[in-house]
N, C-alpha and C. Protein backbone atom coordinates (compact mmCIF):
# COMPACT_ATOMS: atom_id res chain seq x y z
N PRO A 1 104.00 120.85 149.87
CA PRO A 1 103.16 120.91 149.28
C PRO A 1 103.83 122.03 148.27
N ASP A 2 103.14 121.83 147.09
CA ASP A 2 103.64 122.76 145.68
C ASP A 2 103.30 124.21 145.99
N GLU A 3 101.81 124.67 146.47
CA GLU A 3 101.52 125.92 147.08
C GLU A 3 102.68 126.51 147.68
N ILE A 4 103.06 125.71 148.78
CA ILE A 4 104.13 126.55 149.96
C ILE A 4 105.55 126.78 149.49
N TYR A 5 105.83 125.77 148.25
CA TYR A 5 106.83 125.95 147.60
C TYR A 5 106.86 127.12 146.69
N ARG A 6 105.70 127.13 145.62
CA ARG A 6 105.57 128.54 144.99
C ARG A 6 105.34 129.80 145.80
N ALA A 7 104.57 129.88 146.81
CA ALA A 7 104.68 131.24 147.73
C ALA A 7 106.15 131.24 148.23
N LEU A 8 106.95 130.61 148.74
CA LEU A 8 108.46 130.82 148.90
C LEU A 8 109.13 131.40 147.78
N ARG A 9 109.04 130.47 146.21
CA ARG A 9 109.72 131.25 145.22
C ARG A 9 109.09 132.79 144.98
N THR A 10 108.57 132.79 145.44
CA THR A 10 107.82 134.73 144.97
C THR A 10 108.73 135.37 145.77
N MET A 11 109.09 134.83 147.17
CA MET A 11 109.90 135.43 148.23
C MET A 11 111.30 135.80 147.83
N GLU A 12 111.80 134.96 146.76
CA GLU A 12 113.48 135.27 146.60
C GLU A 12 114.00 136.62 146.17
N PRO A 13 113.08 137.18 145.42
CA PRO A 13 113.65 138.73 145.12
C PRO A 13 113.98 139.52 146.31
N PHE A 14 113.09 139.16 147.36
CA PHE A 14 113.10 139.96 148.05
C PHE A 14 114.87 140.02 148.63
N GLY A 15 115.42 139.39 148.47
CA GLY A 15 116.93 138.64 149.02
C GLY A 15 117.75 139.19 147.95
N SER A 16 117.44 139.94 146.99
CA SER A 16 118.00 139.79 145.73
C SER A 16 118.10 141.50 145.70
N PRO A 17 119.22 142.36 144.49
CA PRO A 17 119.10 143.39 144.52
C PRO A 17 118.10 143.80 143.53
N TYR A 18 117.32 143.16 142.78
CA TYR A 18 116.48 143.39 141.93
C TYR A 18 114.85 143.66 142.79
N GLY A 19 114.73 142.85 143.73
CA GLY A 19 113.58 143.02 144.32
C GLY A 19 113.92 144.22 145.47
N MET A 20 114.91 144.31 146.07
CA MET A 20 114.97 145.20 146.64
C MET A 20 115.07 147.02 146.19
N THR A 21 115.58 146.56 144.91
CA THR A 21 115.65 148.07 144.08
C THR A 21 113.79 148.35 144.19
N PHE A 22 112.97 147.03 143.61
CA PHE A 22 111.69 147.69 143.64
C PHE A 22 110.80 148.00 144.71
N VAL A 23 111.39 147.33 146.11
CA VAL A 23 110.69 147.72 147.29
C VAL A 23 111.24 149.01 147.44
N LEU A 24 112.27 149.49 147.44
CA LEU A 24 113.07 150.91 147.26
C LEU A 24 112.11 152.12 146.66
N LEU A 25 111.92 151.80 145.33
CA LEU A 25 111.12 152.69 144.46
C LEU A 25 109.81 152.91 145.19
N THR A 26 109.42 151.60 145.49
CA THR A 26 108.03 151.73 146.22
C THR A 26 107.45 153.21 147.41
N ILE A 27 108.94 152.59 148.05
CA ILE A 27 108.89 153.38 149.70
C ILE A 27 108.98 154.81 149.31
N LEU A 28 109.68 155.34 148.08
CA LEU A 28 109.95 156.39 147.15
C LEU A 28 108.72 157.26 146.67
N VAL A 29 107.92 156.54 146.18
CA VAL A 29 106.70 156.68 145.68
C VAL A 29 105.86 156.92 146.73
N VAL A 30 105.57 156.23 147.53
CA VAL A 30 104.72 156.11 148.81
C VAL A 30 104.78 156.91 150.10
N THR A 31 105.91 157.15 150.18
CA THR A 31 106.13 158.35 151.58
C THR A 31 106.90 159.60 151.40
N THR A 32 107.02 159.81 152.03
CA THR A 32 107.57 161.27 152.34
C THR A 32 109.40 161.34 152.68
N ASP A 33 109.71 159.97 152.35
CA ASP A 33 111.41 159.85 152.52
C ASP A 33 112.07 160.43 151.26
N ARG A 34 113.27 160.91 152.13
CA ARG A 34 113.87 161.86 150.87
C ARG A 34 114.80 160.92 150.19
N VAL A 35 115.43 160.99 148.79
CA VAL A 35 116.42 159.82 148.77
C VAL A 35 117.24 159.43 149.11
N THR A 36 118.17 160.20 150.02
CA THR A 36 119.35 159.56 150.82
C THR A 36 118.72 158.77 151.88
N GLU A 37 117.62 158.94 152.25
CA GLU A 37 117.15 158.14 153.47
C GLU A 37 116.86 156.91 152.93
N VAL A 38 116.41 157.12 151.53
CA VAL A 38 116.08 155.43 150.74
C VAL A 38 117.18 155.01 150.44
N VAL A 39 117.97 155.56 150.10
CA VAL A 39 119.74 155.10 149.78
C VAL A 39 120.36 154.29 150.75
N ARG A 40 120.10 154.95 151.92
CA ARG A 40 120.61 154.39 153.26
C ARG A 40 120.36 153.02 153.48
N LEU A 41 118.77 152.82 153.05
CA LEU A 41 118.25 151.42 153.43
C LEU A 41 118.57 150.56 152.46
N GLY A 42 118.85 150.93 150.92
CA GLY A 42 119.45 150.25 150.42
C GLY A 42 121.02 149.70 150.50
N ALA A 43 121.66 150.64 151.09
CA ALA A 43 123.34 150.50 151.41
C ALA A 43 123.41 149.31 152.51
N ILE A 44 122.53 149.43 153.54
CA ILE A 44 122.62 148.55 154.56
C ILE A 44 122.29 147.27 154.14
N ALA A 45 121.35 146.80 153.27
CA ALA A 45 120.98 145.47 152.74
C ALA A 45 122.08 145.28 151.43
N ILE A 46 122.87 145.86 151.01
CA ILE A 46 123.98 145.73 150.12
C ILE A 46 125.32 145.29 150.95
N ALA A 47 125.17 146.06 152.15
CA ALA A 47 126.77 145.94 152.87
C ALA A 47 126.36 144.44 153.38
N GLY A 48 124.90 143.52 153.84
CA GLY A 48 124.86 142.50 154.37
C GLY A 48 125.17 141.46 153.36
N GLY A 49 124.78 141.72 152.27
CA GLY A 49 125.00 140.68 150.75
C GLY A 49 126.33 140.63 150.72
N LEU A 50 126.97 141.89 150.60
CA LEU A 50 128.55 141.70 150.27
C LEU A 50 129.42 141.12 151.43
N SER A 51 129.04 141.08 152.58
CA SER A 51 129.52 140.39 153.73
C SER A 51 129.31 138.97 153.67
N ALA A 52 128.57 138.69 152.98
CA ALA A 52 128.24 137.66 152.92
C ALA A 52 129.09 136.75 151.72
N ALA A 53 128.85 137.80 150.67
CA ALA A 53 129.79 137.34 149.38
C ALA A 53 131.51 136.90 149.52
N PHE A 54 131.69 138.04 150.38
CA PHE A 54 133.39 138.00 151.01
C PHE A 54 133.57 136.67 151.28
N MET A 55 132.63 136.26 152.44
CA MET A 55 133.07 134.77 153.28
C MET A 55 133.26 133.65 152.03
N LYS A 56 132.37 134.22 151.07
CA LYS A 56 132.06 133.13 150.02
C LYS A 56 133.33 132.69 149.43
N VAL A 57 134.40 133.55 149.28
CA VAL A 57 135.59 133.77 148.82
C VAL A 57 136.82 133.00 149.53
N LEU A 58 136.13 133.12 150.93
CA LEU A 58 137.22 132.59 152.12
C LEU A 58 136.62 130.86 152.12
N ILE A 59 135.60 130.28 152.27
CA ILE A 59 135.50 129.35 152.45
C ILE A 59 134.14 128.46 151.53
N SER A 60 135.06 127.11 151.13
CA SER A 60 134.56 126.41 150.30
C SER A 60 133.28 125.40 150.50
N ARG A 61 132.32 125.37 149.95
CA ARG A 61 131.41 124.03 150.38
C ARG A 61 130.17 124.07 149.15
N ALA A 62 130.36 123.05 149.02
CA ALA A 62 129.58 122.57 148.14
C ALA A 62 127.64 123.03 148.15
N ARG A 63 127.29 122.97 147.27
CA ARG A 63 125.69 123.46 147.42
C ARG A 63 125.11 122.33 147.49
N PRO A 64 123.79 122.10 148.00
CA PRO A 64 123.06 120.85 148.47
C PRO A 64 122.74 120.20 146.96
N ASP A 65 122.62 120.96 146.02
CA ASP A 65 122.27 120.36 144.57
C ASP A 65 123.54 119.77 143.74
N HIS A 66 124.51 119.98 144.48
CA HIS A 66 125.97 119.46 144.04
C HIS A 66 126.66 118.75 144.66
N PHE A 67 126.16 118.12 145.72
CA PHE A 67 126.76 117.42 146.93
C PHE A 67 126.24 116.07 146.87
N ASP A 68 126.38 115.00 146.76
CA ASP A 68 126.69 113.60 146.68
C ASP A 68 126.01 113.02 148.36
N PHE A 69 124.83 113.11 148.57
CA PHE A 69 124.35 112.55 150.18
C PHE A 69 124.49 111.34 150.39
N SER A 70 124.54 110.71 149.12
CA SER A 70 124.73 108.99 149.58
C SER A 70 126.17 108.80 149.76
N HIS A 71 126.96 109.01 149.89
CA HIS A 71 128.36 108.87 149.59
C HIS A 71 129.49 109.46 150.71
N HIS A 72 128.84 110.57 150.85
CA HIS A 72 129.46 111.79 151.89
C HIS A 72 128.50 112.26 153.17
N GLN A 73 129.51 112.34 154.12
CA GLN A 73 129.00 112.74 155.56
C GLN A 73 128.65 114.44 154.83
N ILE A 74 127.80 115.14 156.02
CA ILE A 74 127.56 116.48 155.63
C ILE A 74 128.44 117.59 155.69
N LEU A 75 129.42 117.15 156.78
CA LEU A 75 130.88 118.02 157.00
C LEU A 75 131.68 117.97 155.74
N ASP A 76 131.65 116.73 155.32
CA ASP A 76 132.38 116.85 153.72
C ASP A 76 131.84 118.15 152.63
N SER A 77 130.75 118.42 152.92
CA SER A 77 130.46 119.91 152.00
C SER A 77 131.16 120.86 152.19
N PHE A 78 131.95 120.61 153.05
CA PHE A 78 133.11 122.04 153.23
C PHE A 78 134.23 121.38 152.74
N GLN A 79 134.55 122.01 151.63
CA GLN A 79 135.94 121.49 151.05
C GLN A 79 136.85 122.50 150.58
N GLY A 80 137.03 123.21 151.82
CA GLY A 80 138.78 124.04 152.45
C GLY A 80 138.47 125.36 152.37
N PHE A 81 139.78 125.95 152.64
CA PHE A 81 139.22 127.48 152.81
C PHE A 81 140.46 128.41 151.63
N LEU A 82 139.75 129.64 151.52
CA LEU A 82 140.70 130.31 150.49
C LEU A 82 140.15 129.59 149.23
N PRO A 83 139.53 129.18 148.54
CA PRO A 83 139.16 128.59 147.28
C PRO A 83 139.44 129.59 146.38
N MET A 84 138.87 131.14 146.71
CA MET A 84 139.29 132.18 145.55
C MET A 84 138.67 131.90 144.41
N MET A 85 137.37 131.33 144.79
CA MET A 85 136.56 131.14 143.20
C MET A 85 136.56 129.98 142.67
N LYS A 86 137.36 129.29 142.78
CA LYS A 86 137.66 128.28 142.27
C LYS A 86 136.35 127.13 142.50
N GLY A 87 135.89 126.54 141.24
CA GLY A 87 134.87 125.69 141.30
C GLY A 87 133.37 126.64 140.98
N GLY A 88 133.64 127.71 141.25
CA GLY A 88 132.50 128.33 140.77
C GLY A 88 130.95 128.49 141.46
N GLY A 89 129.83 129.05 141.64
CA GLY A 89 128.90 128.94 142.32
C GLY A 89 128.74 127.64 143.22
N ALA A 90 129.03 125.92 142.18
CA ALA A 90 128.57 125.09 142.96
C ALA A 90 129.47 125.05 144.23
N VAL A 91 130.22 125.48 144.67
CA VAL A 91 130.93 125.67 145.85
C VAL A 91 131.28 126.81 146.54
N GLN A 92 129.84 127.91 146.32
CA GLN A 92 129.57 129.07 147.19
C GLN A 92 128.42 128.79 148.19
N SER A 93 128.65 128.17 148.47
CA SER A 93 127.24 128.01 149.64
C SER A 93 127.21 128.63 150.72
N PHE A 94 128.23 128.74 151.16
CA PHE A 94 128.30 129.13 153.05
C PHE A 94 128.63 130.64 152.92
N PRO A 95 128.21 131.26 153.28
CA PRO A 95 126.75 131.60 153.93
C PRO A 95 125.76 132.12 152.54
N SER A 96 124.56 132.06 153.13
CA SER A 96 123.89 132.62 152.07
C SER A 96 123.60 134.14 152.08
N ALA A 97 124.22 134.52 150.67
CA ALA A 97 124.53 135.88 150.45
C ALA A 97 122.91 136.42 150.34
N HIS A 98 122.03 135.95 149.59
CA HIS A 98 120.58 136.00 149.61
C HIS A 98 119.93 136.27 151.25
N THR A 99 120.42 135.25 151.77
CA THR A 99 119.61 135.49 153.54
C THR A 99 120.18 136.91 153.58
N ALA A 100 121.33 137.02 153.92
CA ALA A 100 121.99 137.85 154.89
C ALA A 100 121.99 139.01 154.05
N MET A 101 121.56 139.60 152.46
CA MET A 101 121.03 140.51 152.23
C MET A 101 119.41 140.65 152.67
N ALA A 102 118.77 139.94 152.47
CA ALA A 102 117.29 139.56 152.91
C ALA A 102 117.17 140.39 154.47
N VAL A 103 118.35 139.51 155.39
CA VAL A 103 117.94 140.18 156.84
C VAL A 103 118.59 141.49 156.96
N ALA A 104 119.43 141.69 156.47
CA ALA A 104 120.23 143.03 156.68
C ALA A 104 118.99 144.31 156.02
N PHE A 105 118.17 144.02 155.05
CA PHE A 105 116.82 145.00 154.64
C PHE A 105 116.30 144.76 155.29
N ALA A 106 115.85 143.86 155.72
CA ALA A 106 114.67 143.58 156.85
C ALA A 106 114.86 144.52 158.22
N VAL A 107 116.06 144.24 158.31
CA VAL A 107 116.47 145.35 159.95
C VAL A 107 116.64 146.62 159.36
N ALA A 108 116.87 147.00 158.47
CA ALA A 108 116.89 148.31 158.00
C ALA A 108 115.36 148.92 157.76
N LEU A 109 114.78 148.14 157.24
CA LEU A 109 113.18 148.69 157.19
C LEU A 109 112.64 148.39 158.33
N ALA A 110 112.77 147.76 159.17
CA ALA A 110 112.33 147.44 160.63
C ALA A 110 112.71 149.12 161.15
N ASN A 111 113.77 148.85 161.13
CA ASN A 111 114.00 150.33 162.05
C ASN A 111 113.58 151.99 161.27
N ARG A 112 113.02 151.83 160.16
CA ARG A 112 112.58 152.81 159.49
C ARG A 112 111.09 152.56 159.83
N PHE A 113 110.59 151.53 159.50
CA PHE A 113 109.10 151.17 159.77
C PHE A 113 108.54 150.28 160.84
N PRO A 114 108.74 150.60 162.36
CA PRO A 114 108.88 149.95 163.31
C PRO A 114 107.71 148.97 163.04
N ARG A 115 106.50 149.79 163.01
CA ARG A 115 105.36 149.11 162.95
C ARG A 115 105.04 147.86 162.06
N SER A 116 106.20 147.66 160.99
CA SER A 116 105.94 146.70 159.87
C SER A 116 106.76 145.57 160.08
N ARG A 117 107.32 145.83 161.21
CA ARG A 117 108.68 145.09 161.27
C ARG A 117 108.65 143.61 161.17
N TRP A 118 107.24 143.05 161.40
CA TRP A 118 107.21 141.72 161.49
C TRP A 118 107.06 140.98 160.10
N LEU A 119 106.62 142.13 159.08
CA LEU A 119 106.33 141.83 157.67
C LEU A 119 107.51 141.60 157.18
N TRP A 120 108.71 142.64 157.37
CA TRP A 120 110.00 142.75 157.11
C TRP A 120 110.74 141.18 157.62
N TYR A 121 110.71 140.90 158.54
CA TYR A 121 111.44 139.84 159.17
C TYR A 121 110.76 138.50 158.79
N SER A 122 109.30 138.71 158.25
CA SER A 122 108.55 137.61 157.53
C SER A 122 109.36 136.86 156.43
N PHE A 123 109.22 138.31 155.84
CA PHE A 123 109.90 138.39 153.85
C PHE A 123 111.23 137.76 154.14
N ALA A 124 112.20 138.06 155.07
CA ALA A 124 113.45 137.57 155.08
C ALA A 124 113.48 136.07 155.65
N ALA A 125 112.82 135.73 156.41
CA ALA A 125 112.82 134.38 157.05
C ALA A 125 111.99 133.23 155.62
N MET A 126 111.39 134.19 155.20
CA MET A 126 110.91 133.51 153.74
C MET A 126 112.13 133.05 152.60
N VAL A 127 112.78 134.13 152.61
CA VAL A 127 114.10 133.84 151.48
C VAL A 127 114.67 132.92 151.98
N GLY A 128 114.77 132.79 153.53
CA GLY A 128 115.94 131.91 153.95
C GLY A 128 115.27 130.12 153.30
N MET A 129 114.06 130.12 153.89
CA MET A 129 113.40 128.80 153.69
C MET A 129 113.29 128.55 152.06
N GLN A 130 113.45 129.58 151.30
CA GLN A 130 113.32 129.42 149.63
C GLN A 130 114.59 128.68 149.39
N ARG A 131 115.61 129.37 149.88
CA ARG A 131 117.01 129.21 149.43
C ARG A 131 117.39 127.31 149.67
N VAL A 132 116.87 126.88 151.13
CA VAL A 132 116.58 125.61 151.65
C VAL A 132 115.72 124.76 150.90
N ALA A 133 114.75 125.00 150.72
CA ALA A 133 113.64 124.27 149.50
C ALA A 133 114.22 124.07 148.25
N ASP A 134 115.07 125.45 147.70
CA ASP A 134 115.65 125.45 146.03
C ASP A 134 117.08 124.25 146.42
N ALA A 135 117.37 123.68 147.55
CA ALA A 135 118.48 122.64 147.48
C ALA A 135 119.80 123.95 147.01
N GLN A 136 119.72 125.24 147.11
CA GLN A 136 120.43 126.12 146.82
C GLN A 136 121.69 126.37 148.15
N HIS A 137 121.34 126.05 149.26
CA HIS A 137 121.90 126.13 150.58
C HIS A 137 121.24 125.16 151.55
N PHE A 138 122.53 124.54 152.64
CA PHE A 138 121.93 124.05 153.53
C PHE A 138 121.44 124.72 154.22
N ALA A 139 120.79 124.34 155.38
CA ALA A 139 120.06 125.36 156.89
C ALA A 139 121.20 126.05 157.61
N SER A 140 122.31 125.38 157.62
CA SER A 140 123.60 126.21 158.24
C SER A 140 124.00 127.35 157.37
N ASP A 141 123.83 127.46 156.38
CA ASP A 141 124.12 128.19 155.32
C ASP A 141 123.28 129.58 155.58
N VAL A 142 122.38 129.20 155.63
CA VAL A 142 121.06 130.42 155.82
C VAL A 142 121.01 130.93 157.22
N PHE A 143 121.70 130.50 158.58
CA PHE A 143 121.56 130.62 159.72
C PHE A 143 122.59 131.66 159.77
N ALA A 144 123.72 131.29 158.92
CA ALA A 144 125.25 132.10 158.76
C ALA A 144 124.84 133.38 157.99
N GLY A 145 124.04 133.27 156.67
CA GLY A 145 123.94 134.49 156.54
C GLY A 145 123.28 135.53 157.16
N ALA A 146 121.83 134.75 157.78
CA ALA A 146 121.37 135.54 158.57
C ALA A 146 121.82 136.48 159.81
N ALA A 147 122.69 135.22 160.47
CA ALA A 147 123.79 136.27 161.16
C ALA A 147 124.43 137.47 160.71
N PHE A 148 125.25 137.01 159.55
CA PHE A 148 125.88 137.87 158.90
C PHE A 148 125.07 139.11 158.33
N GLY A 149 123.96 139.03 158.05
CA GLY A 149 123.11 140.33 157.39
C GLY A 149 122.45 141.18 158.81
N TRP A 150 122.37 140.45 159.71
CA TRP A 150 121.51 141.27 160.96
C TRP A 150 122.64 142.18 161.56
N THR A 151 124.07 141.23 161.81
CA THR A 151 125.22 141.95 162.69
C THR A 151 125.68 143.12 161.92
N ILE A 152 125.56 142.85 160.41
CA ILE A 152 125.82 144.20 159.67
C ILE A 152 125.32 145.27 159.61
N ALA A 153 123.73 144.88 159.53
CA ALA A 153 123.05 145.94 159.57
C ALA A 153 122.78 146.78 161.06
N GLN A 154 122.87 146.20 162.08
CA GLN A 154 122.90 146.45 163.39
C GLN A 154 124.45 147.71 163.65
N PHE A 155 125.31 147.24 163.36
CA PHE A 155 126.44 148.05 162.97
C PHE A 155 126.24 149.06 162.44
N VAL A 156 126.05 149.06 160.91
CA VAL A 156 125.46 150.35 160.26
C VAL A 156 124.68 151.22 160.58
N LEU A 157 123.73 150.30 161.18
CA LEU A 157 122.70 151.52 162.06
C LEU A 157 123.26 152.22 163.05
N MET A 158 124.17 151.75 163.93
CA MET A 158 124.98 152.51 165.17
C MET A 158 125.74 153.00 164.46
N LEU A 159 126.36 153.03 163.57
CA LEU A 159 127.52 154.06 163.26
C LEU A 159 126.60 155.23 162.40
N TRP A 160 125.61 155.05 161.74
CA TRP A 160 124.96 156.10 161.50
C TRP A 160 124.07 156.94 162.54
N GLN A 161 123.72 156.34 163.51
CA GLN A 161 122.97 157.06 164.63
C GLN A 161 124.10 157.87 165.24
N GLN A 162 125.28 157.25 165.51
CA GLN A 162 125.98 158.21 166.52
C GLN A 162 126.71 159.24 165.65
N SER A 163 126.88 159.19 164.09
CA SER A 163 127.07 160.15 163.49
C SER A 163 125.78 161.25 163.61
N HIS A 164 124.77 160.82 163.77
CA HIS A 164 123.58 161.86 163.55
C HIS A 164 123.39 162.40 164.93
N TYR A 165 124.07 161.74 165.82
CA TYR A 165 123.91 162.39 167.30
C TYR A 165 124.93 163.65 167.46
N GLU A 166 126.07 163.08 166.75
CA GLU A 166 127.53 163.94 166.63
C GLU A 166 127.25 165.29 165.92
N ASP A 167 126.32 165.06 164.74
CA ASP A 167 125.71 166.15 163.87
C ASP A 167 124.83 167.03 164.90
N LEU A 168 123.94 166.53 165.60
CA LEU A 168 123.15 167.31 166.42
C LEU A 168 123.72 168.00 167.54
N SER A 169 125.00 167.51 167.83
CA SER A 169 125.52 168.19 169.04
C SER A 169 126.23 169.52 168.66
N THR A 170 127.02 169.17 167.34
CA THR A 170 127.86 170.24 166.87
C THR A 170 127.10 171.37 166.19
N GLU A 171 126.00 170.99 165.52
CA GLU A 171 125.32 171.89 164.77
C GLU A 171 123.59 172.03 165.19
N PRO A 172 123.38 172.52 166.24
CA PRO A 172 122.00 172.31 166.69
C PRO A 172 121.00 173.50 166.17
N ALA A 173 121.43 174.81 165.88
CA ALA A 173 120.47 175.56 165.28
C ALA A 173 120.19 175.22 163.51
N GLU A 174 121.24 174.61 162.88
CA GLU A 174 121.09 173.87 162.12
C GLU A 174 119.95 172.99 161.47
N ARG A 175 120.06 171.98 162.47
CA ARG A 175 119.22 170.97 162.76
C ARG A 175 117.61 171.15 163.20
N MET A 176 117.75 172.26 163.62
CA MET A 176 116.43 172.27 164.11
C MET A 176 115.33 172.97 163.30
N SER A 177 113.81 172.60 163.29
CA SER A 177 112.99 173.00 162.26
C SER A 177 112.53 174.46 162.76
N PRO A 178 112.47 175.10 161.33
CA PRO A 178 112.31 176.73 161.59
C PRO A 178 111.57 177.52 162.73
N SER A 179 110.71 176.63 163.26
CA SER A 179 109.69 176.94 164.16
C SER A 179 110.43 176.70 165.65
N LEU A 180 111.42 175.78 165.76
CA LEU A 180 112.29 175.80 167.07
C LEU A 180 113.23 176.71 167.53
N GLN A 181 113.93 176.81 166.10
CA GLN A 181 115.11 177.83 166.33
C GLN A 181 114.99 179.25 166.87
N TYR A 182 115.78 179.76 167.43
CA TYR A 182 115.84 180.88 168.51
C TYR A 182 116.30 182.32 167.20
N ASN A 183 115.51 183.10 167.19
CA ASN A 183 115.86 184.17 166.17
C ASN A 183 116.83 185.72 167.28
């Protein structure tokens, strides 16, 4: 139905730099988070999107709106490896960078705001559904993008948590709040 399609269209910006910037600015305004914490959330999303964009350079796949379903099988949509941007956006379907960015952003936001995690994950899922409904991606492109986004986000979060723990173990007095420091 048209209402569902319109609702999905409104979620597409959550998987784009513009929507991500809006969410991050909103977080800065309504929370006590420092700018560096908000930048980290954005960096995770960008890393997820860039990982998918890198794969598009390696794998050529026609987008559904540029694929002739009447004369070809679905596997024919894959047109080769290492296209190096030949064919432009029409053959950059795999994986979905919007979905990768949205899922990475959702993982980062869920890590920072765990009580709202289902909201963030729902937004990311709707971005993926919108990409399929808009004939920009096959469902497998969206699943691959989600996997890239989730993996990159988890990896970056793990690295940051390890570096935070290392900081805590090397400079304990400087990291404690003033009321907990020994005088």
